[in-house]
Amino acid sequence: PFGYFPNKKGRKSGILIPSYGESNNLGFFLKQGGFYFGGSDIFDLALTADIYANGSYGGRAASSYRKRYHYNGSFNISYSAITNGDKKLPNSTTQSDFFIRWNHAQDPKSHPNSRFTADVNAGSSSYNKYNGAVTGDYLKNTFQSNISYTRSFPGTPFNFAANLRQSQNTQTKTIDASLPELALTMNRLFPFKKKESTTNKWFEKIGISLVLFVGLLP
């Protein structure tokens, strides 16, 4: 997923050539320069950095991974220290920010009776203000994260689910996180229905189900 130099076929390691330009507030810059580690067919890693003439800087580590018929995902962690004003002046300020993104999906073929997924977006409230890559990033003020695990038990009517959720508002600087929500459910059973019955008597239509939930209600 990353470009690198020299340009070779296959997943190889190499230097990432930075882009250059000038920012009205931060001065001349070099961005997205660093090194790409080809790793293996399962994962890779890119380490990149940004530097600005006024002393601001940033760095990130990005990795994607994939194991065929098992799982795939990506992980990205970013950090920046943006200086407003001239560092030599006493009224200058430096804003430090970080952001973490993690996406993970499981191939249904690996474990047909269970599934684990993750979609994590979390960081400091002012990260997009100073580090938004596109215009839409500056307008985002909420981030959602969810990690879930589900499992069924073949031969039984029971199912289990666990969820961990987080919602972050960058305008109000509030974070709402729920404790792990645990649920054990039982599919509907018809205890009075006979297997060889060809009629549907009223009591044969009586069904029972079960839901056990542990967590915080909204």
Protein backbone atom coordinates (compact mmCIF):
# COMPACT_ATOMS: atom_id res chain seq x y z
CA PRO A 1 0.00 0.00 0.00
CA PHE A 2 2.98 2.38 0.23
CA GLY A 3 5.31 3.73 -2.43
CA TYR A 4 9.05 3.43 -1.93
CA PHE A 5 12.42 3.93 -3.62
CA PRO A 6 13.97 2.12 -5.36
CA ASN A 7 10.97 0.86 -7.29
CA LYS A 8 11.14 -2.93 -7.39
CA LYS A 9 8.54 -5.57 -8.05
CA GLY A 10 7.24 -7.39 -5.02
CA ARG A 11 7.19 -6.32 -1.39
CA LYS A 12 10.65 -4.88 -0.75
CA SER A 13 12.06 -2.43 1.77
CA GLY A 14 13.19 1.02 0.70
CA ILE A 15 13.35 4.76 1.30
CA LEU A 16 10.16 6.83 1.09
CA ILE A 17 10.90 10.07 -0.74
CA PRO A 18 9.32 13.07 1.06
CA SER A 19 7.20 15.70 -0.63
CA TYR A 20 8.13 19.34 -0.14
CA GLY A 21 6.32 22.67 -0.10
CA GLU A 22 5.53 25.70 1.99
CA SER A 23 2.86 26.40 4.60
CA ASN A 24 1.68 29.92 5.42
CA ASN A 25 1.86 29.22 9.15
CA LEU A 26 4.64 26.66 9.45
CA GLY A 27 7.08 27.60 6.69
CA PHE A 28 8.89 25.28 4.32
CA PHE A 29 8.35 21.57 4.94
CA LEU A 30 9.31 18.03 4.04
CA LYS A 31 6.45 15.55 4.53
CA GLN A 32 5.91 11.79 4.41
CA GLY A 33 9.61 10.94 4.19
CA GLY A 34 10.96 7.85 5.87
CA PHE A 35 11.44 4.14 5.36
CA TYR A 36 9.25 1.26 4.25
CA PHE A 37 9.85 -2.24 5.61
CA GLY A 38 8.48 -4.90 3.29
CA GLY A 39 8.34 -7.38 6.15
CA SER A 40 6.72 -10.49 4.69
CA ASP A 41 3.59 -11.58 2.89
CA ILE A 42 1.79 -11.23 6.22
CA PHE A 43 2.65 -7.64 7.23
CA ASP A 44 4.50 -4.45 6.31
CA LEU A 45 5.49 -1.25 8.11
CA ALA A 46 6.06 2.35 7.03
CA LEU A 47 7.78 4.87 9.33
CA THR A 48 7.42 8.44 8.10
CA ALA A 49 8.06 11.94 9.44
CA ASP A 50 7.22 15.59 8.69
CA ILE A 51 9.48 18.54 9.50
CA TYR A 52 8.76 22.27 9.19
CA ALA A 53 11.00 25.31 9.08
CA ASN A 54 9.45 26.82 12.22
CA GLY A 55 10.37 23.79 14.32
CA SER A 56 7.13 21.82 14.07
CA TYR A 57 7.35 18.10 13.39
CA GLY A 58 5.34 14.93 13.24
CA GLY A 59 5.74 11.19 12.80
CA ARG A 60 3.67 8.12 12.14
CA ALA A 61 3.87 4.35 11.97
CA ALA A 62 1.51 2.56 9.59
CA SER A 63 1.18 -1.17 9.12
CA SER A 64 -1.15 -3.46 7.24
CA TYR A 65 -1.38 -7.20 7.84
CA ARG A 66 -3.13 -10.14 6.28
CA LYS A 67 -3.12 -13.89 6.85
CA ARG A 68 -5.03 -15.65 4.14
CA TYR A 69 -8.20 -17.37 5.33
CA HIS A 70 -7.62 -16.04 8.84
CA TYR A 71 -7.68 -12.24 9.26
CA ASN A 72 -6.66 -8.87 7.83
CA GLY A 73 -6.35 -5.34 9.14
CA SER A 74 -4.34 -2.17 9.46
CA PHE A 75 -2.83 -0.11 12.27
CA ASN A 76 -1.79 3.54 12.22
CA ILE A 77 -0.45 5.72 15.04
CA SER A 78 0.44 9.38 14.51
CA TYR A 79 2.06 12.05 16.66
CA SER A 80 2.71 15.74 15.98
CA ALA A 81 4.09 18.80 17.77
CA ILE A 82 2.86 21.94 15.99
CA THR A 83 4.33 25.30 17.02
CA ASN A 84 2.25 28.46 16.60
CA GLY A 85 4.45 31.49 16.19
CA ASP A 86 8.21 31.83 16.36
CA LYS A 87 9.81 29.51 18.92
CA LYS A 88 12.21 32.30 19.84
CA LEU A 89 9.32 34.47 21.02
CA PRO A 90 7.85 34.03 24.52
CA ASN A 91 4.22 34.00 23.27
CA SER A 92 4.69 30.99 20.97
CA THR A 93 2.86 27.78 21.86
CA THR A 94 3.35 24.14 20.88
CA GLN A 95 0.38 21.80 20.50
CA SER A 96 1.11 18.07 20.86
CA ASP A 97 -1.41 15.61 19.42
CA PHE A 98 -1.75 11.92 18.66
CA PHE A 99 -4.21 9.65 16.89
CA ILE A 100 -4.68 5.88 16.65
CA ARG A 101 -6.56 3.97 13.98
CA TRP A 102 -6.99 0.19 14.03
CA ASN A 103 -9.15 -1.96 11.80
CA HIS A 104 -9.34 -5.71 12.11
CA ALA A 105 -11.58 -8.24 10.37
CA GLN A 106 -11.68 -12.00 10.64
CA ASP A 107 -12.20 -14.32 7.71
CA PRO A 108 -15.34 -16.41 8.35
CA LYS A 109 -13.49 -19.47 7.02
CA SER A 110 -10.99 -19.44 9.89
CA HIS A 111 -13.45 -19.84 12.76
CA PRO A 112 -17.02 -20.37 11.49
CA ASN A 113 -18.47 -20.30 15.00
CA SER A 114 -16.78 -17.13 16.25
CA ARG A 115 -15.92 -13.67 14.99
CA PHE A 116 -13.69 -10.84 16.23
CA THR A 117 -13.76 -7.34 14.70
CA ALA A 118 -12.26 -4.00 15.67
CA ASP A 119 -12.77 -0.46 14.39
CA VAL A 120 -10.84 1.97 16.58
CA ASN A 121 -10.57 5.74 15.99
CA ALA A 122 -9.27 7.68 18.96
CA GLY A 123 -6.89 10.50 19.77
CA SER A 124 -6.48 14.02 21.08
CA SER A 125 -9.35 16.41 20.41
CA SER A 126 -7.28 18.89 18.37
CA TYR A 127 -5.52 16.38 16.12
CA ASN A 128 -7.60 17.04 12.99
CA LYS A 129 -7.43 20.79 13.53
CA TYR A 130 -3.66 20.78 13.03
CA ASN A 131 -3.13 17.58 11.05
CA GLY A 132 -6.18 17.06 8.84
CA ALA A 133 -5.03 15.57 5.55
CA VAL A 134 -8.13 16.61 3.58
CA THR A 135 -10.79 19.27 4.01
CA GLY A 136 -13.30 16.79 5.41
CA ASP A 137 -10.98 15.95 8.30
CA TYR A 138 -11.21 19.50 9.67
CA LEU A 139 -15.00 19.20 9.86
CA LYS A 140 -15.11 15.93 11.78
CA ASN A 141 -15.91 16.40 15.45
CA THR A 142 -16.93 12.89 16.51
CA PHE A 143 -15.09 9.58 16.45
CA GLN A 144 -16.56 6.15 17.09
CA SER A 145 -14.79 2.98 18.17
CA ASN A 146 -16.11 -0.52 18.58
CA ILE A 147 -14.50 -3.86 19.40
CA SER A 148 -16.74 -6.91 19.28
CA TYR A 149 -16.59 -10.66 19.71
CA THR A 150 -19.39 -13.13 18.96
CA ARG A 151 -19.55 -16.89 19.33
CA SER A 152 -22.10 -19.59 18.71
CA PHE A 153 -22.05 -23.07 20.22
CA PRO A 154 -22.89 -25.78 17.69
CA GLY A 155 -25.34 -28.35 18.95
CA THR A 156 -26.81 -25.92 21.46
CA PRO A 157 -29.25 -22.98 21.17
CA PHE A 158 -26.85 -20.58 22.92
CA ASN A 159 -24.94 -17.57 21.52
CA PHE A 160 -22.52 -15.18 23.21
CA ALA A 161 -21.61 -11.58 22.32
CA ALA A 162 -19.23 -9.01 23.84
CA ASN A 163 -18.87 -5.36 22.79
CA LEU A 164 -16.69 -2.46 23.90
CA ARG A 165 -17.75 0.94 22.54
CA GLN A 166 -16.38 4.47 22.69
CA SER A 167 -17.65 7.79 21.37
CA GLN A 168 -15.47 10.92 21.36
CA ASN A 169 -16.59 14.50 20.70
CA THR A 170 -13.72 16.85 19.86
CA GLN A 171 -15.82 20.01 20.31
CA THR A 172 -16.98 19.28 23.84
CA LYS A 173 -13.82 17.23 24.58
CA THR A 174 -15.91 14.47 26.11
CA ILE A 175 -15.36 10.72 25.82
CA ASP A 176 -18.16 8.24 26.47
CA ALA A 177 -17.00 4.65 26.91
CA SER A 178 -19.16 1.70 27.87
CA LEU A 179 -18.02 -1.16 30.02
CA PRO A 180 -17.85 -4.43 28.12
CA GLU A 181 -21.41 -5.32 27.16
CA LEU A 182 -21.90 -9.06 27.56
CA ALA A 183 -24.93 -10.90 26.23
CA LEU A 184 -25.85 -14.59 26.37
CA THR A 185 -28.87 -15.50 24.28
CA MET A 186 -30.80 -18.70 23.67
CA ASN A 187 -32.68 -19.33 20.45
CA ARG A 188 -36.39 -19.99 20.81
CA LEU A 189 -37.29 -23.54 21.77
CA PHE A 190 -40.66 -25.30 21.60
CA PRO A 191 -40.51 -27.77 24.50
CA PHE A 192 -44.05 -29.12 24.00
CA LYS A 193 -43.77 -29.78 20.28
CA LYS A 194 -43.31 -33.43 19.37
CA LYS A 195 -40.91 -34.26 16.57
CA GLU A 196 -43.34 -36.69 14.95
CA SER A 197 -46.37 -34.46 15.44
CA THR A 198 -48.27 -33.56 12.25
CA THR A 199 -50.67 -31.20 14.02
CA ASN A 200 -50.06 -27.79 15.54
CA LYS A 201 -51.90 -27.86 18.84
CA TRP A 202 -52.01 -24.63 20.80
CA PHE A 203 -49.58 -25.77 23.47
CA GLU A 204 -47.11 -26.95 20.82
CA LYS A 205 -46.78 -23.35 19.73
CA ILE A 206 -45.51 -22.24 23.14
CA GLY A 207 -41.88 -21.20 22.84
CA ILE A 208 -39.25 -20.01 25.28
CA SER A 209 -36.12 -17.93 24.76
CA LEU A 210 -33.51 -16.38 27.02
CA VAL A 211 -31.49 -13.17 27.03
CA LEU A 212 -28.92 -12.40 29.73
CA PHE A 213 -27.32 -8.97 29.39
CA VAL A 214 -24.55 -7.36 31.44
CA GLY A 215 -23.63 -3.75 30.67
CA LEU A 216 -24.66 -0.11 30.94
CA LEU A 217 -27.88 0.92 29.25
CA PRO A 218 -27.75 4.26 27.36
